């Protein structure tokens, strides 16, 4: 699956407070933000469009996996 990066600006003082007072949360902050972004996606994108996108991702992932296996084979019989 192809991914894009996004950048978020956030108060340095607030982020430092999370780092000090909730280090476990700080260590998982990217995962937490990804989960929240997924929730926004589900709320914002109609189910028919989501099904299309998810099917496309499965096909793309299958093609990439197949290509990786072919590159890894020696080709000897």
PDB file of N, CA and C in Angstrom:
ATOM      1  N   UNK A   1       0.846  -1.175   0.000  1.00  0.00           N
ATOM      2  CA  UNK A   1       0.000   0.000   0.000  1.00  0.00           C
ATOM      3  C   UNK A   1       0.889   1.234   0.000  1.00  0.00           C
ATOM      4  N   UNK A   2       0.592   2.143  -0.878  1.00  0.00           N
ATOM      5  CA  UNK A   2       1.325   3.407  -0.957  1.00  0.00           C
ATOM      6  C   UNK A   2       0.809   4.324   0.161  1.00  0.00           C
ATOM      7  N   UNK A   3       1.704   5.030   0.792  1.00  0.00           N
ATOM      8  CA  UNK A   3       1.302   5.953   1.856  1.00  0.00           C
ATOM      9  C   UNK A   3       1.845   7.344   1.583  1.00  0.00           C
ATOM     10  N   UNK A   4       1.201   8.335   2.162  1.00  0.00           N
ATOM     11  CA  UNK A   4       1.665   9.719   2.135  1.00  0.00           C
ATOM     12  C   UNK A   4       1.955  10.151   3.555  1.00  0.00           C
ATOM     13  N   UNK A   5       2.874  11.069   3.688  1.00  0.00           N
ATOM     14  CA  UNK A   5       3.167  11.648   5.000  1.00  0.00           C
ATOM     15  C   UNK A   5       2.384  12.939   5.150  1.00  0.00           C
ATOM     16  N   UNK A   6       1.957  13.206   6.375  1.00  0.00           N
ATOM     17  CA  UNK A   6       1.344  14.484   6.687  1.00  0.00           C
ATOM     18  C   UNK A   6       2.129  15.101   7.836  1.00  0.00           C
ATOM     19  N   UNK A   7       2.112  16.400   7.900  1.00  0.00           N
ATOM     20  CA  UNK A   7       2.809  17.119   8.955  1.00  0.00           C
ATOM     21  C   UNK A   7       1.782  17.880   9.777  1.00  0.00           C
ATOM     22  N   UNK A   8       1.934  17.809  11.081  1.00  0.00           N
ATOM     23  CA  UNK A   8       1.021  18.498  11.987  1.00  0.00           C
ATOM     24  C   UNK A   8       1.841  19.405  12.885  1.00  0.00           C
ATOM     25  N   UNK A   9       1.417  20.647  12.998  1.00  0.00           N
ATOM     26  CA  UNK A   9       2.055  21.570  13.933  1.00  0.00           C
ATOM     27  C   UNK A   9       1.317  21.494  15.257  1.00  0.00           C
ATOM     28  N   UNK A  10       2.068  21.480  16.345  1.00  0.00           N
ATOM     29  CA  UNK A  10       1.484  21.367  17.677  1.00  0.00           C
ATOM     30  C   UNK A  10       2.392  22.090  18.651  1.00  0.00           C
ATOM     31  N   UNK A  11       1.835  22.639  19.672  1.00  0.00           N
ATOM     32  CA  UNK A  11       2.597  23.377  20.670  1.00  0.00           C
ATOM     33  C   UNK A  11       3.726  22.520  21.241  1.00  0.00           C
ATOM     34  N   UNK A  12       4.936  23.045  21.196  1.00  0.00           N
ATOM     35  CA  UNK A  12       6.099  22.338  21.742  1.00  0.00           C
ATOM     36  C   UNK A  12       5.941  22.112  23.239  1.00  0.00           C
ATOM     37  N   UNK A  13       5.381  23.095  23.947  1.00  0.00           N
ATOM     38  CA  UNK A  13       5.179  22.963  25.388  1.00  0.00           C
ATOM     39  C   UNK A  13       4.180  21.858  25.715  1.00  0.00           C
ATOM     40  N   UNK A  14       3.098  21.784  24.925  1.00  0.00           N
ATOM     41  CA  UNK A  14       2.102  20.739  25.157  1.00  0.00           C
ATOM     42  C   UNK A  14       2.676  19.355  24.850  1.00  0.00           C
ATOM     43  N   UNK A  15       3.443  19.261  23.784  1.00  0.00           N
ATOM     44  CA  UNK A  15       4.058  17.984  23.433  1.00  0.00           C
ATOM     45  C   UNK A  15       5.064  17.560  24.507  1.00  0.00           C
ATOM     46  N   UNK A  16       5.812  18.501  25.018  1.00  0.00           N
ATOM     47  CA  UNK A  16       6.765  18.213  26.092  1.00  0.00           C
ATOM     48  C   UNK A  16       6.043  17.714  27.336  1.00  0.00           C
ATOM     49  N   UNK A  17       4.879  18.302  27.637  1.00  0.00           N
ATOM     50  CA  UNK A  17       4.085  17.867  28.793  1.00  0.00           C
ATOM     51  C   UNK A  17       3.631  16.416  28.610  1.00  0.00           C
ATOM     52  N   UNK A  18       3.203  16.071  27.402  1.00  0.00           N
ATOM     53  CA  UNK A  18       2.816  14.678  27.141  1.00  0.00           C
ATOM     54  C   UNK A  18       4.016  13.765  27.341  1.00  0.00           C
ATOM     55  N   UNK A  19       5.154  14.193  26.828  1.00  0.00           N
ATOM     56  CA  UNK A  19       6.367  13.379  26.924  1.00  0.00           C
ATOM     57  C   UNK A  19       6.745  13.121  28.380  1.00  0.00           C
ATOM     58  N   UNK A  20       6.600  14.129  29.221  1.00  0.00           N
ATOM     59  CA  UNK A  20       6.982  14.005  30.631  1.00  0.00           C
ATOM     60  C   UNK A  20       5.915  13.282  31.452  1.00  0.00           C
ATOM     61  N   UNK A  21       4.658  13.672  31.257  1.00  0.00           N
ATOM     62  CA  UNK A  21       3.590  13.173  32.122  1.00  0.00           C
ATOM     63  C   UNK A  21       2.936  11.880  31.626  1.00  0.00           C
ATOM     64  N   UNK A  22       3.074  11.591  30.349  1.00  0.00           N
ATOM     65  CA  UNK A  22       2.475  10.376  29.792  1.00  0.00           C
ATOM     66  C   UNK A  22       3.428   9.764  28.765  1.00  0.00           C
ATOM     67  N   UNK A  23       4.584   9.285  29.228  1.00  0.00           N
ATOM     68  CA  UNK A  23       5.589   8.781  28.285  1.00  0.00           C
ATOM     69  C   UNK A  23       5.099   7.610  27.436  1.00  0.00           C
ATOM     70  N   UNK A  24       4.219   6.769  27.987  1.00  0.00           N
ATOM     71  CA  UNK A  24       3.679   5.656  27.193  1.00  0.00           C
ATOM     72  C   UNK A  24       2.856   6.186  26.021  1.00  0.00           C
ATOM     73  N   UNK A  25       2.075   7.223  26.277  1.00  0.00           N
ATOM     74  CA  UNK A  25       1.281   7.843  25.220  1.00  0.00           C
ATOM     75  C   UNK A  25       2.205   8.493  24.203  1.00  0.00           C
ATOM     76  N   UNK A  26       3.225   9.174  24.674  1.00  0.00           N
ATOM     77  CA  UNK A  26       4.171   9.840  23.771  1.00  0.00           C
ATOM     78  C   UNK A  26       4.826   8.830  22.832  1.00  0.00           C
ATOM     79  N   UNK A  27       5.186   7.667  23.374  1.00  0.00           N
ATOM     80  CA  UNK A  27       5.839   6.646  22.555  1.00  0.00           C
ATOM     81  C   UNK A  27       4.914   6.088  21.472  1.00  0.00           C
ATOM     82  N   UNK A  28       3.598   6.164  21.716  1.00  0.00           N
ATOM     83  CA  UNK A  28       2.629   5.618  20.757  1.00  0.00           C
ATOM     84  C   UNK A  28       1.888   6.709  19.988  1.00  0.00           C
ATOM     85  N   UNK A  29       2.396   7.928  20.030  1.00  0.00           N
ATOM     86  CA  UNK A  29       1.640   9.063  19.485  1.00  0.00           C
ATOM     87  C   UNK A  29       1.344   8.920  17.989  1.00  0.00           C
ATOM     88  N   UNK A  30       2.259   8.388  17.215  1.00  0.00           N
ATOM     89  CA  UNK A  30       1.998   8.202  15.785  1.00  0.00           C
ATOM     90  C   UNK A  30       0.870   7.189  15.569  1.00  0.00           C
ATOM     91  N   UNK A  31       0.873   6.110  16.346  1.00  0.00           N
ATOM     92  CA  UNK A  31      -0.194   5.110  16.237  1.00  0.00           C
ATOM     93  C   UNK A  31      -1.542   5.716  16.620  1.00  0.00           C
ATOM     94  N   UNK A  32      -1.555   6.516  17.667  1.00  0.00           N
ATOM     95  CA  UNK A  32      -2.786   7.158  18.123  1.00  0.00           C
ATOM     96  C   UNK A  32      -3.313   8.110  17.058  1.00  0.00           C
ATOM     97  N   UNK A  33      -2.427   8.903  16.471  1.00  0.00           N
ATOM     98  CA  UNK A  33      -2.844   9.833  15.424  1.00  0.00           C
ATOM     99  C   UNK A  33      -3.346   9.092  14.189  1.00  0.00           C
ATOM    100  N   UNK A  34      -2.705   7.984  13.851  1.00  0.00           N
ATOM    101  CA  UNK A  34      -3.144   7.183  12.709  1.00  0.00           C
ATOM    102  C   UNK A  34      -4.547   6.629  12.952  1.00  0.00           C
ATOM    103  N   UNK A  35      -4.804   6.154  14.169  1.00  0.00           N
ATOM    104  CA  UNK A  35      -6.138   5.647  14.520  1.00  0.00           C
ATOM    105  C   UNK A  35      -7.185   6.752  14.389  1.00  0.00           C
ATOM    106  N   UNK A  36      -6.856   7.938  14.848  1.00  0.00           N
ATOM    107  CA  UNK A  36      -7.796   9.055  14.761  1.00  0.00           C
ATOM    108  C   UNK A  36      -8.048   9.458  13.315  1.00  0.00           C
ATOM    109  N   UNK A  37      -7.016   9.443  12.502  1.00  0.00           N
ATOM    110  CA  UNK A  37      -7.169   9.770  11.083  1.00  0.00           C
ATOM    111  C   UNK A  37      -8.039   8.731  10.388  1.00  0.00           C
ATOM    112  N   UNK A  38      -7.885   7.469  10.771  1.00  0.00           N
ATOM    113  CA  UNK A  38      -8.732   6.409  10.230  1.00  0.00           C
ATOM    114  C   UNK A  38     -10.207   6.659  10.589  1.00  0.00           C
ATOM    115  N   UNK A  39     -10.457   7.119  11.798  1.00  0.00           N
ATOM    116  CA  UNK A  39     -11.832   7.439  12.213  1.00  0.00           C
ATOM    117  C   UNK A  39     -12.403   8.596  11.391  1.00  0.00           C
ATOM    118  N   UNK A  40     -11.586   9.589  11.109  1.00  0.00           N
ATOM    119  CA  UNK A  40     -12.024  10.708  10.263  1.00  0.00           C
ATOM    120  C   UNK A  40     -12.366  10.192   8.869  1.00  0.00           C
ATOM    121  N   UNK A  41     -11.526   9.306   8.343  1.00  0.00           N
ATOM    122  CA  UNK A  41     -11.763   8.707   7.028  1.00  0.00           C
ATOM    123  C   UNK A  41     -13.107   7.974   6.997  1.00  0.00           C
ATOM    124  N   UNK A  42     -13.371   7.162   8.014  1.00  0.00           N
ATOM    125  CA  UNK A  42     -14.618   6.394   8.065  1.00  0.00           C
ATOM    126  C   UNK A  42     -15.826   7.325   8.158  1.00  0.00           C
ATOM    127  N   UNK A  43     -15.713   8.386   8.937  1.00  0.00           N
ATOM    128  CA  UNK A  43     -16.825   9.340   9.079  1.00  0.00           C
ATOM    129  C   UNK A  43     -17.037  10.164   7.810  1.00  0.00           C
ATOM    130  N   UNK A  44     -15.978  10.433   7.076  1.00  0.00           N
ATOM    131  CA  UNK A  44     -16.048  11.386   5.976  1.00  0.00           C
ATOM    132  C   UNK A  44     -16.277  10.765   4.604  1.00  0.00           C
ATOM    133  N   UNK A  45     -15.862   9.532   4.419  1.00  0.00           N
ATOM    134  CA  UNK A  45     -15.910   8.910   3.093  1.00  0.00           C
ATOM    135  C   UNK A  45     -17.079   7.924   3.048  1.00  0.00           C
ATOM    136  N   UNK A  46     -17.945   8.059   2.057  1.00  0.00           N
ATOM    137  CA  UNK A  46     -19.079   7.148   1.947  1.00  0.00           C
ATOM    138  C   UNK A  46     -18.623   5.684   1.842  1.00  0.00           C
ATOM    139  N   UNK A  47     -19.439   4.783   2.364  1.00  0.00           N
ATOM    140  CA  UNK A  47     -19.066   3.373   2.414  1.00  0.00           C
ATOM    141  C   UNK A  47     -18.785   2.797   1.024  1.00  0.00           C
ATOM    142  N   UNK A  48     -19.541   3.209   0.021  1.00  0.00           N
ATOM    143  CA  UNK A  48     -19.294   2.685  -1.328  1.00  0.00           C
ATOM    144  C   UNK A  48     -17.902   3.085  -1.823  1.00  0.00           C
ATOM    145  N   UNK A  49     -17.498   4.282  -1.515  1.00  0.00           N
ATOM    146  CA  UNK A  49     -16.158   4.749  -1.905  1.00  0.00           C
ATOM    147  C   UNK A  49     -15.089   4.018  -1.105  1.00  0.00           C
ATOM    148  N   UNK A  50     -15.338   3.810   0.189  1.00  0.00           N
ATOM    149  CA  UNK A  50     -14.376   3.074   1.023  1.00  0.00           C
ATOM    150  C   UNK A  50     -14.186   1.655   0.512  1.00  0.00           C
ATOM    151  N   UNK A  51     -15.289   0.995   0.121  1.00  0.00           N
ATOM    152  CA  UNK A  51     -15.188  -0.371  -0.400  1.00  0.00           C
ATOM    153  C   UNK A  51     -14.347  -0.390  -1.673  1.00  0.00           C
ATOM    154  N   UNK A  52     -14.545   0.587  -2.537  1.00  0.00           N
ATOM    155  CA  UNK A  52     -13.758   0.677  -3.774  1.00  0.00           C
ATOM    156  C   UNK A  52     -12.272   0.858  -3.441  1.00  0.00           C
ATOM    157  N   UNK A  53     -11.990   1.787  -2.549  1.00  0.00           N
ATOM    158  CA  UNK A  53     -10.592   2.078  -2.181  1.00  0.00           C
ATOM    159  C   UNK A  53      -9.943   0.857  -1.537  1.00  0.00           C
ATOM    160  N   UNK A  54     -10.657   0.183  -0.628  1.00  0.00           N
ATOM    161  CA  UNK A  54     -10.095  -0.982   0.055  1.00  0.00           C
ATOM    162  C   UNK A  54      -9.851  -2.127  -0.925  1.00  0.00           C
ATOM    163  N   UNK A  55     -10.749  -2.313  -1.907  1.00  0.00           N
ATOM    164  CA  UNK A  55     -10.537  -3.343  -2.927  1.00  0.00           C
ATOM    165  C   UNK A  55      -9.316  -3.005  -3.774  1.00  0.00           C
ATOM    166  N   UNK A  56      -9.168  -1.729  -4.120  1.00  0.00           N
ATOM    167  CA  UNK A  56      -8.016  -1.288  -4.915  1.00  0.00           C
ATOM    168  C   UNK A  56      -6.720  -1.528  -4.142  1.00  0.00           C
ATOM    169  N   UNK A  57      -6.734  -1.244  -2.846  1.00  0.00           N
ATOM    170  CA  UNK A  57      -5.546  -1.456  -2.011  1.00  0.00           C
ATOM    171  C   UNK A  57      -5.188  -2.943  -1.981  1.00  0.00           C
ATOM    172  N   UNK A  58      -6.185  -3.806  -1.841  1.00  0.00           N
ATOM    173  CA  UNK A  58      -5.927  -5.252  -1.827  1.00  0.00           C
ATOM    174  C   UNK A  58      -5.292  -5.711  -3.134  1.00  0.00           C
ATOM    175  N   UNK A  59      -5.813  -5.221  -4.245  1.00  0.00           N
ATOM    176  CA  UNK A  59      -5.257  -5.583  -5.551  1.00  0.00           C
ATOM    177  C   UNK A  59      -3.826  -5.070  -5.667  1.00  0.00           C
ATOM    178  N   UNK A  60      -3.614  -3.813  -5.305  1.00  0.00           N
ATOM    179  CA  UNK A  60      -2.268  -3.230  -5.382  1.00  0.00           C
ATOM    180  C   UNK A  60      -1.291  -3.990  -4.495  1.00  0.00           C
ATOM    181  N   UNK A  61      -1.716  -4.353  -3.285  1.00  0.00           N
ATOM    182  CA  UNK A  61      -0.845  -5.101  -2.375  1.00  0.00           C
ATOM    183  C   UNK A  61      -0.537  -6.481  -2.938  1.00  0.00           C
ATOM    184  N   UNK A  62      -1.532  -7.114  -3.567  1.00  0.00           N
ATOM    185  CA  UNK A  62      -1.314  -8.422  -4.176  1.00  0.00           C
ATOM    186  C   UNK A  62      -0.320  -8.360  -5.308  1.00  0.00           C
ATOM    187  N   UNK A  63      -0.401  -7.338  -6.134  1.00  0.00           N
ATOM    188  CA  UNK A  63       0.530  -7.162  -7.248  1.00  0.00           C
ATOM    189  C   UNK A  63       1.936  -6.920  -6.720  1.00  0.00           C
ATOM    190  N   UNK A  64       2.065  -6.107  -5.688  1.00  0.00           N
ATOM    191  CA  UNK A  64       3.386  -5.831  -5.111  1.00  0.00           C
ATOM    192  C   UNK A  64       3.976  -7.091  -4.489  1.00  0.00           C
ATOM    193  N   UNK A  65       3.156  -7.875  -3.784  1.00  0.00           N
ATOM    194  CA  UNK A  65       3.646  -9.105  -3.167  1.00  0.00           C
ATOM    195  C   UNK A  65       4.105 -10.096  -4.223  1.00  0.00           C
ATOM    196  N   UNK A  66       3.341 -10.226  -5.278  1.00  0.00           N
ATOM    197  CA  UNK A  66       3.682 -11.141  -6.360  1.00  0.00           C
ATOM    198  C   UNK A  66       4.998 -10.712  -7.010  1.00  0.00           C
ATOM    199  N   UNK A  67       5.174  -9.428  -7.235  1.00  0.00           N
ATOM    200  CA  UNK A  67       6.404  -8.919  -7.829  1.00  0.00           C
ATOM    201  C   UNK A  67       7.610  -9.164  -6.938  1.00  0.00           C
ATOM    202  N   UNK A  68       7.432  -9.022  -5.644  1.00  0.00           N
ATOM    203  CA  UNK A  68       8.534  -9.242  -4.704  1.00  0.00           C
ATOM    204  C   UNK A  68       8.943 -10.711  -4.705  1.00  0.00           C
ATOM    205  N   UNK A  69       7.958 -11.621  -4.804  1.00  0.00           N
ATOM    206  CA  UNK A  69       8.273 -13.051  -4.840  1.00  0.00           C
ATOM    207  C   UNK A  69       9.006 -13.406  -6.120  1.00  0.00           C
ATOM    208  N   UNK A  70       8.610 -12.811  -7.242  1.00  0.00           N
ATOM    209  CA  UNK A  70       9.258 -13.119  -8.511  1.00  0.00           C
ATOM    210  C   UNK A  70      10.692 -12.607  -8.524  1.00  0.00           C
ATOM    211  N   UNK A  71      10.928 -11.454  -7.948  1.00  0.00           N
ATOM    212  CA  UNK A  71      12.286 -10.909  -7.898  1.00  0.00           C
ATOM    213  C   UNK A  71      13.161 -11.756  -7.007  1.00  0.00           C
ATOM    214  N   UNK A  72      12.589 -12.348  -5.951  1.00  0.00           N
ATOM    215  CA  UNK A  72      13.354 -13.143  -5.007  1.00  0.00           C
ATOM    216  C   UNK A  72      13.667 -14.547  -5.497  1.00  0.00           C
ATOM    217  N   UNK A  73      12.985 -15.017  -6.526  1.00  0.00           N
ATOM    218  CA  UNK A  73      13.233 -16.388  -7.005  1.00  0.00           C
ATOM    219  C   UNK A  73      14.500 -16.431  -7.849  1.00  0.00           C
ATOM    220  N   UNK A  74      15.169 -17.558  -7.803  1.00  0.00           N
ATOM    221  CA  UNK A  74      16.454 -17.689  -8.505  1.00  0.00           C
ATOM    222  C   UNK A  74      16.276 -17.951  -9.995  1.00  0.00           C
ATOM    223  N   UNK A  75      15.121 -18.497 -10.386  1.00  0.00           N
ATOM    224  CA  UNK A  75      14.900 -18.772 -11.787  1.00  0.00           C
ATOM    225  C   UNK A  75      15.509 -20.075 -12.254  1.00  0.00           C
ATOM    226  N   UNK A  76      16.171 -20.822 -11.376  1.00  0.00           N
ATOM    227  CA  UNK A  76      16.765 -22.105 -11.724  1.00  0.00           C
ATOM    228  C   UNK A  76      15.731 -23.212 -11.584  1.00  0.00           C
ATOM    229  N   UNK A  77      15.762 -24.168 -12.491  1.00  0.00           N
ATOM    230  CA  UNK A  77      14.833 -25.299 -12.431  1.00  0.00           C
ATOM    231  C   UNK A  77      15.516 -26.524 -11.915  1.00  0.00           C
TER     232      UNK A  77
END
